[in-house]
Amino acid sequence: MRTCPKCKKRISPLYFGTACRSCGADLMYYHFEERLAEDARKAAAQEEKGRRLLNKLPLHRKNSGLKNNNNTDII
């Protein structure tokens, strides 16, 4: 059973509406900003973790020692 985040009443698992029947709270967008901010924090942490992993590889470092003098991309 699910519960409404606003009034804490039980909601049937077979109820597929977006609003609570007792208080009218929008179930999909209740606390949307807080969930969005938490998701942004998690994404930033994952990006930092990936960046640290890529910086360990010699070809992805900013100063890897490879210089390109004729302005062509190194493949």
PDB file of N, CA and C in Angstrom:
ATOM      1  N   MET A   1       0.830  -1.182   0.000  1.00  0.00           N
ATOM      2  CA  MET A   1       0.000   0.000   0.000  1.00  0.00           C
ATOM      3  C   MET A   1       0.879   1.252   0.000  1.00  0.00           C
ATOM      4  N   ARG A   2       0.496   2.213  -0.773  1.00  0.00           N
ATOM      5  CA  ARG A   2       1.169   3.503  -0.774  1.00  0.00           C
ATOM      6  C   ARG A   2       0.447   4.434   0.184  1.00  0.00           C
ATOM      7  N   THR A   3       1.115   5.497   0.570  1.00  0.00           N
ATOM      8  CA  THR A   3       0.481   6.508   1.406  1.00  0.00           C
ATOM      9  C   THR A   3       0.670   7.870   0.757  1.00  0.00           C
ATOM     10  N   CYS A   4      -0.263   8.751   1.035  1.00  0.00           N
ATOM     11  CA  CYS A   4      -0.181  10.121   0.535  1.00  0.00           C
ATOM     12  C   CYS A   4       0.903  10.847   1.321  1.00  0.00           C
ATOM     13  N   PRO A   5       1.808  11.585   0.670  1.00  0.00           N
ATOM     14  CA  PRO A   5       2.871  12.278   1.404  1.00  0.00           C
ATOM     15  C   PRO A   5       2.352  13.464   2.217  1.00  0.00           C
ATOM     16  N   LYS A   6       1.157  13.958   1.899  1.00  0.00           N
ATOM     17  CA  LYS A   6       0.627  15.121   2.598  1.00  0.00           C
ATOM     18  C   LYS A   6      -0.254  14.731   3.784  1.00  0.00           C
ATOM     19  N   CYS A   7      -1.265  13.878   3.547  1.00  0.00           N
ATOM     20  CA  CYS A   7      -2.216  13.544   4.607  1.00  0.00           C
ATOM     21  C   CYS A   7      -1.959  12.173   5.234  1.00  0.00           C
ATOM     22  N   LYS A   8      -1.011  11.412   4.688  1.00  0.00           N
ATOM     23  CA  LYS A   8      -0.605  10.099   5.209  1.00  0.00           C
ATOM     24  C   LYS A   8      -1.714   9.051   5.175  1.00  0.00           C
ATOM     25  N   LYS A   9      -2.726   9.224   4.334  1.00  0.00           N
ATOM     26  CA  LYS A   9      -3.764   8.201   4.192  1.00  0.00           C
ATOM     27  C   LYS A   9      -3.311   7.158   3.188  1.00  0.00           C
ATOM     28  N   ARG A  10      -3.813   5.963   3.343  1.00  0.00           N
ATOM     29  CA  ARG A  10      -3.457   4.868   2.442  1.00  0.00           C
ATOM     30  C   ARG A  10      -4.068   5.073   1.061  1.00  0.00           C
ATOM     31  N   ILE A  11      -3.288   4.697   0.064  1.00  0.00           N
ATOM     32  CA  ILE A  11      -3.741   4.758  -1.328  1.00  0.00           C
ATOM     33  C   ILE A  11      -3.616   3.355  -1.887  1.00  0.00           C
ATOM     34  N   SER A  12      -4.642   2.911  -2.545  1.00  0.00           N
ATOM     35  CA  SER A  12      -4.657   1.567  -3.107  1.00  0.00           C
ATOM     36  C   SER A  12      -3.567   1.417  -4.163  1.00  0.00           C
ATOM     37  N   PRO A  13      -2.928   0.255  -4.241  1.00  0.00           N
ATOM     38  CA  PRO A  13      -1.926   0.051  -5.292  1.00  0.00           C
ATOM     39  C   PRO A  13      -2.547   0.026  -6.685  1.00  0.00           C
ATOM     40  N   LEU A  14      -3.855  -0.136  -6.764  1.00  0.00           N
ATOM     41  CA  LEU A  14      -4.536  -0.144  -8.051  1.00  0.00           C
ATOM     42  C   LEU A  14      -5.031   1.241  -8.461  1.00  0.00           C
ATOM     43  N   TYR A  15      -4.823   2.248  -7.620  1.00  0.00           N
ATOM     44  CA  TYR A  15      -5.212   3.615  -7.954  1.00  0.00           C
ATOM     45  C   TYR A  15      -4.079   4.253  -8.747  1.00  0.00           C
ATOM     46  N   PHE A  16      -4.354   4.598  -9.993  1.00  0.00           N
ATOM     47  CA  PHE A  16      -3.334   5.141 -10.887  1.00  0.00           C
ATOM     48  C   PHE A  16      -3.503   6.633 -11.135  1.00  0.00           C
ATOM     49  N   GLY A  17      -4.324   7.293 -10.343  1.00  0.00           N
ATOM     50  CA  GLY A  17      -4.514   8.732 -10.490  1.00  0.00           C
ATOM     51  C   GLY A  17      -3.302   9.496  -9.993  1.00  0.00           C
ATOM     52  N   THR A  18      -3.256  10.776 -10.308  1.00  0.00           N
ATOM     53  CA  THR A  18      -2.118  11.594  -9.902  1.00  0.00           C
ATOM     54  C   THR A  18      -2.422  12.445  -8.688  1.00  0.00           C
ATOM     55  N   ALA A  19      -3.680  12.481  -8.234  1.00  0.00           N
ATOM     56  CA  ALA A  19      -4.043  13.290  -7.072  1.00  0.00           C
ATOM     57  C   ALA A  19      -4.632  12.396  -5.989  1.00  0.00           C
ATOM     58  N   CYS A  20      -4.362  12.759  -4.743  1.00  0.00           N
ATOM     59  CA  CYS A  20      -4.910  12.024  -3.605  1.00  0.00           C
ATOM     60  C   CYS A  20      -6.416  12.257  -3.559  1.00  0.00           C
ATOM     61  N   ARG A  21      -7.176  11.226  -3.290  1.00  0.00           N
ATOM     62  CA  ARG A  21      -8.628  11.360  -3.253  1.00  0.00           C
ATOM     63  C   ARG A  21      -9.109  12.108  -2.015  1.00  0.00           C
ATOM     64  N   SER A  22      -8.352  12.051  -0.934  1.00  0.00           N
ATOM     65  CA  SER A  22      -8.827  12.687   0.293  1.00  0.00           C
ATOM     66  C   SER A  22      -8.395  14.153   0.429  1.00  0.00           C
ATOM     67  N   CYS A  23      -7.175  14.476   0.067  1.00  0.00           N
ATOM     68  CA  CYS A  23      -6.718  15.866   0.249  1.00  0.00           C
ATOM     69  C   CYS A  23      -6.447  16.588  -1.070  1.00  0.00           C
ATOM     70  N   GLY A  24      -6.349  15.875  -2.172  1.00  0.00           N
ATOM     71  CA  GLY A  24      -6.134  16.502  -3.471  1.00  0.00           C
ATOM     72  C   GLY A  24      -4.681  16.823  -3.790  1.00  0.00           C
ATOM     73  N   ALA A  25      -3.747  16.345  -2.991  1.00  0.00           N
ATOM     74  CA  ALA A  25      -2.331  16.616  -3.250  1.00  0.00           C
ATOM     75  C   ALA A  25      -1.887  15.895  -4.516  1.00  0.00           C
ATOM     76  N   ASP A  26      -1.082  16.566  -5.308  1.00  0.00           N
ATOM     77  CA  ASP A  26      -0.563  15.969  -6.530  1.00  0.00           C
ATOM     78  C   ASP A  26       0.531  14.981  -6.156  1.00  0.00           C
ATOM     79  N   LEU A  27       0.318  13.711  -6.386  1.00  0.00           N
ATOM     80  CA  LEU A  27       1.239  12.666  -5.945  1.00  0.00           C
ATOM     81  C   LEU A  27       2.520  12.628  -6.759  1.00  0.00           C
ATOM     82  N   MET A  28       2.461  13.025  -8.011  1.00  0.00           N
ATOM     83  CA  MET A  28       3.653  12.973  -8.855  1.00  0.00           C
ATOM     84  C   MET A  28       4.617  14.115  -8.542  1.00  0.00           C
ATOM     85  N   TYR A  29       4.097  15.294  -8.259  1.00  0.00           N
ATOM     86  CA  TYR A  29       4.950  16.473  -8.115  1.00  0.00           C
ATOM     87  C   TYR A  29       5.058  16.972  -6.680  1.00  0.00           C
ATOM     88  N   TYR A  30       4.635  16.184  -5.703  1.00  0.00           N
ATOM     89  CA  TYR A  30       4.777  16.574  -4.307  1.00  0.00           C
ATOM     90  C   TYR A  30       6.249  16.459  -3.926  1.00  0.00           C
ATOM     91  N   HIS A  31       6.836  17.491  -3.387  1.00  0.00           N
ATOM     92  CA  HIS A  31       8.268  17.584  -3.046  1.00  0.00           C
ATOM     93  C   HIS A  31       9.148  17.410  -4.285  1.00  0.00           C
ATOM     94  N   PHE A  32       8.697  17.900  -5.414  1.00  0.00           N
ATOM     95  CA  PHE A  32       9.433  17.739  -6.665  1.00  0.00           C
ATOM     96  C   PHE A  32      10.774  18.471  -6.629  1.00  0.00           C
ATOM     97  N   GLU A  33      10.800  19.686  -6.062  1.00  0.00           N
ATOM     98  CA  GLU A  33      12.034  20.470  -6.031  1.00  0.00           C
ATOM     99  C   GLU A  33      13.100  19.789  -5.183  1.00  0.00           C
ATOM    100  N   GLU A  34      12.680  19.203  -4.053  1.00  0.00           N
ATOM    101  CA  GLU A  34      13.651  18.529  -3.191  1.00  0.00           C
ATOM    102  C   GLU A  34      14.218  17.286  -3.872  1.00  0.00           C
ATOM    103  N   ARG A  35      13.347  16.536  -4.568  1.00  0.00           N
ATOM    104  CA  ARG A  35      13.829  15.347  -5.277  1.00  0.00           C
ATOM    105  C   ARG A  35      14.742  15.734  -6.425  1.00  0.00           C
ATOM    106  N   LEU A  36      14.428  16.844  -7.094  1.00  0.00           N
ATOM    107  CA  LEU A  36      15.268  17.313  -8.195  1.00  0.00           C
ATOM    108  C   LEU A  36      16.640  17.755  -7.687  1.00  0.00           C
ATOM    109  N   ALA A  37      16.675  18.447  -6.555  1.00  0.00           N
ATOM    110  CA  ALA A  37      17.949  18.874  -5.980  1.00  0.00           C
ATOM    111  C   ALA A  37      18.782  17.666  -5.540  1.00  0.00           C
ATOM    112  N   GLU A  38      18.144  16.673  -4.950  1.00  0.00           N
ATOM    113  CA  GLU A  38      18.850  15.462  -4.538  1.00  0.00           C
ATOM    114  C   GLU A  38      19.415  14.722  -5.754  1.00  0.00           C
ATOM    115  N   ASP A  39      18.652  14.677  -6.827  1.00  0.00           N
ATOM    116  CA  ASP A  39      19.115  14.036  -8.054  1.00  0.00           C
ATOM    117  C   ASP A  39      20.306  14.792  -8.639  1.00  0.00           C
ATOM    118  N   ALA A  40      20.281  16.114  -8.564  1.00  0.00           N
ATOM    119  CA  ALA A  40      21.407  16.912  -9.066  1.00  0.00           C
ATOM    120  C   ALA A  40      22.664  16.652  -8.241  1.00  0.00           C
ATOM    121  N   ARG A  41      22.511  16.520  -6.915  1.00  0.00           N
ATOM    122  CA  ARG A  41      23.668  16.216  -6.070  1.00  0.00           C
ATOM    123  C   ARG A  41      24.251  14.849  -6.407  1.00  0.00           C
ATOM    124  N   LYS A  42      23.379  13.869  -6.629  1.00  0.00           N
ATOM    125  CA  LYS A  42      23.851  12.531  -6.979  1.00  0.00           C
ATOM    126  C   LYS A  42      24.553  12.528  -8.328  1.00  0.00           C
ATOM    127  N   ALA A  43      24.013  13.284  -9.299  1.00  0.00           N
ATOM    128  CA  ALA A  43      24.637  13.352 -10.624  1.00  0.00           C
ATOM    129  C   ALA A  43      26.002  14.028 -10.550  1.00  0.00           C
ATOM    130  N   ALA A  44      26.133  15.063  -9.736  1.00  0.00           N
ATOM    131  CA  ALA A  44      27.420  15.744  -9.597  1.00  0.00           C
ATOM    132  C   ALA A  44      28.452  14.818  -8.958  1.00  0.00           C
ATOM    133  N   ALA A  45      28.013  14.022  -7.992  1.00  0.00           N
ATOM    134  CA  ALA A  45      28.938  13.079  -7.353  1.00  0.00           C
ATOM    135  C   ALA A  45      29.384  12.006  -8.344  1.00  0.00           C
ATOM    136  N   GLN A  46      28.471  11.513  -9.152  1.00  0.00           N
ATOM    137  CA  GLN A  46      28.820  10.513 -10.168  1.00  0.00           C
ATOM    138  C   GLN A  46      29.749  11.099 -11.222  1.00  0.00           C
ATOM    139  N   GLU A  47      29.517  12.356 -11.602  1.00  0.00           N
ATOM    140  CA  GLU A  47      30.379  12.994 -12.595  1.00  0.00           C
ATOM    141  C   GLU A  47      31.793  13.162 -12.037  1.00  0.00           C
ATOM    142  N   GLU A  48      31.901  13.561 -10.782  1.00  0.00           N
ATOM    143  CA  GLU A  48      33.212  13.713 -10.157  1.00  0.00           C
ATOM    144  C   GLU A  48      33.935  12.373 -10.065  1.00  0.00           C
ATOM    145  N   LYS A  49      33.197  11.327  -9.748  1.00  0.00           N
ATOM    146  CA  LYS A  49      33.787   9.990  -9.672  1.00  0.00           C
ATOM    147  C   LYS A  49      34.298   9.550 -11.049  1.00  0.00           C
ATOM    148  N   GLY A  50      33.514   9.800 -12.087  1.00  0.00           N
ATOM    149  CA  GLY A  50      33.947   9.454 -13.446  1.00  0.00           C
ATOM    150  C   GLY A  50      35.134  10.283 -13.893  1.00  0.00           C
ATOM    151  N   ARG A  51      35.133  11.566 -13.509  1.00  0.00           N
ATOM    152  CA  ARG A  51      36.245  12.449 -13.879  1.00  0.00           C
ATOM    153  C   ARG A  51      37.543  11.994 -13.215  1.00  0.00           C
ATOM    154  N   ARG A  52      37.450  11.585 -11.936  1.00  0.00           N
ATOM    155  CA  ARG A  52      38.642  11.082 -11.253  1.00  0.00           C
ATOM    156  C   ARG A  52      39.150   9.799 -11.902  1.00  0.00           C
ATOM    157  N   LEU A  53      38.229   8.951 -12.343  1.00  0.00           N
ATOM    158  CA  LEU A  53      38.614   7.714 -13.006  1.00  0.00           C
ATOM    159  C   LEU A  53      39.293   8.002 -14.340  1.00  0.00           C
ATOM    160  N   LEU A  54      38.739   8.941 -15.116  1.00  0.00           N
ATOM    161  CA  LEU A  54      39.339   9.279 -16.408  1.00  0.00           C
ATOM    162  C   LEU A  54      40.686   9.983 -16.249  1.00  0.00           C
ATOM    163  N   ASN A  55      40.852  10.754 -15.180  1.00  0.00           N
ATOM    164  CA  ASN A  55      42.131  11.429 -14.969  1.00  0.00           C
ATOM    165  C   ASN A  55      43.255  10.456 -14.657  1.00  0.00           C
ATOM    166  N   LYS A  56      42.928   9.250 -14.259  1.00  0.00           N
ATOM    167  CA  LYS A  56      43.956   8.236 -14.015  1.00  0.00           C
ATOM    168  C   LYS A  56      44.511   7.676 -15.319  1.00  0.00           C
ATOM    169  N   LEU A  57      43.748   7.794 -16.402  1.00  0.00           N
ATOM    170  CA  LEU A  57      44.201   7.313 -17.702  1.00  0.00           C
ATOM    171  C   LEU A  57      45.126   8.342 -18.331  1.00  0.00           C
ATOM    172  N   PRO A  58      46.221   7.925 -18.949  1.00  0.00           N
ATOM    173  CA  PRO A  58      47.201   8.893 -19.461  1.00  0.00           C
ATOM    174  C   PRO A  58      46.694   9.714 -20.648  1.00  0.00           C
ATOM    175  N   LEU A  59      45.829   9.208 -21.473  1.00  0.00           N
ATOM    176  CA  LEU A  59      45.382   9.958 -22.649  1.00  0.00           C
ATOM    177  C   LEU A  59      44.285  10.964 -22.333  1.00  0.00           C
ATOM    178  N   HIS A  60      43.662  10.884 -21.176  1.00  0.00           N
ATOM    179  CA  HIS A  60      42.581  11.799 -20.833  1.00  0.00           C
ATOM    180  C   HIS A  60      43.016  12.912 -19.905  1.00  0.00           C
ATOM    181  N   ARG A  61      44.261  12.921 -19.501  1.00  0.00           N
ATOM    182  CA  ARG A  61      44.744  13.994 -18.651  1.00  0.00           C
ATOM    183  C   ARG A  61      44.911  15.253 -19.473  1.00  0.00           C
ATOM    184  N   LYS A  62      44.773  16.383 -18.818  1.00  0.00           N
ATOM    185  CA  LYS A  62      44.921  17.652 -19.524  1.00  0.00           C
ATOM    186  C   LYS A  62      46.352  17.852 -19.998  1.00  0.00           C
ATOM    187  N   ASN A  63      47.305  17.514 -19.166  1.00  0.00           N
ATOM    188  CA  ASN A  63      48.723  17.680 -19.508  1.00  0.00           C
ATOM    189  C   ASN A  63      49.349  16.306 -19.693  1.00  0.00           C
ATOM    190  N   SER A  64      48.933  15.618 -20.734  1.00  0.00           N
ATOM    191  CA  SER A  64      49.420  14.253 -20.922  1.00  0.00           C
ATOM    192  C   SER A  64      50.774  14.196 -21.617  1.00  0.00           C
ATOM    193  N   GLY A  65      51.286  15.331 -22.072  1.00  0.00           N
ATOM    194  CA  GLY A  65      52.582  15.329 -22.717  1.00  0.00           C
ATOM    195  C   GLY A  65      52.495  15.215 -24.233  1.00  0.00           C
ATOM    196  N   LEU A  66      51.309  14.984 -24.777  1.00  0.00           N
ATOM    197  CA  LEU A  66      51.144  14.909 -26.225  1.00  0.00           C
ATOM    198  C   LEU A  66      50.871  16.304 -26.762  1.00  0.00           C
ATOM    199  N   LYS A  67      51.723  16.764 -27.633  1.00  0.00           N
ATOM    200  CA  LYS A  67      51.553  18.079 -28.229  1.00  0.00           C
ATOM    201  C   LYS A  67      51.201  17.904 -29.694  1.00  0.00           C
ATOM    202  N   ASN A  68      50.278  18.692 -30.158  1.00  0.00           N
ATOM    203  CA  ASN A  68      49.833  18.639 -31.540  1.00  0.00           C
ATOM    204  C   ASN A  68      50.190  19.974 -32.182  1.00  0.00           C
ATOM    205  N   ASN A  69      51.210  19.978 -33.015  1.00  0.00           N
ATOM    206  CA  ASN A  69      51.722  21.217 -33.567  1.00  0.00           C
ATOM    207  C   ASN A  69      51.032  21.652 -34.849  1.00  0.00           C
ATOM    208  N   ASN A  70      50.435  20.737 -35.601  1.00  0.00           N
ATOM    209  CA  ASN A  70      49.875  21.115 -36.894  1.00  0.00           C
ATOM    210  C   ASN A  70      48.341  21.239 -36.870  1.00  0.00           C
ATOM    211  N   ASN A  71      47.744  21.408 -35.699  1.00  0.00           N
ATOM    212  CA  ASN A  71      46.306  21.621 -35.530  1.00  0.00           C
ATOM    213  C   ASN A  71      45.441  20.541 -36.146  1.00  0.00           C
ATOM    214  N   THR A  72      45.870  19.308 -36.129  1.00  0.00           N
ATOM    215  CA  THR A  72      45.034  18.193 -36.545  1.00  0.00           C
ATOM    216  C   THR A  72      44.728  17.348 -35.322  1.00  0.00           C
ATOM    217  N   ASP A  73      43.596  16.704 -35.326  1.00  0.00           N
ATOM    218  CA  ASP A  73      43.207  15.892 -34.179  1.00  0.00           C
ATOM    219  C   ASP A  73      43.992  14.595 -34.126  1.00  0.00           C
ATOM    220  N   ILE A  74      44.349  14.199 -32.936  1.00  0.00           N
ATOM    221  CA  ILE A  74      45.025  12.917 -32.733  1.00  0.00           C
ATOM    222  C   ILE A  74      43.943  11.870 -32.537  1.00  0.00           C
ATOM    223  N   ILE A  75      44.024  10.832 -33.289  1.00  0.00           N
ATOM    224  CA  ILE A  75      43.006   9.781 -33.217  1.00  0.00           C
ATOM    225  C   ILE A  75      43.575   8.576 -32.516  1.00  0.00           C
TER     226      ILE A  75
END
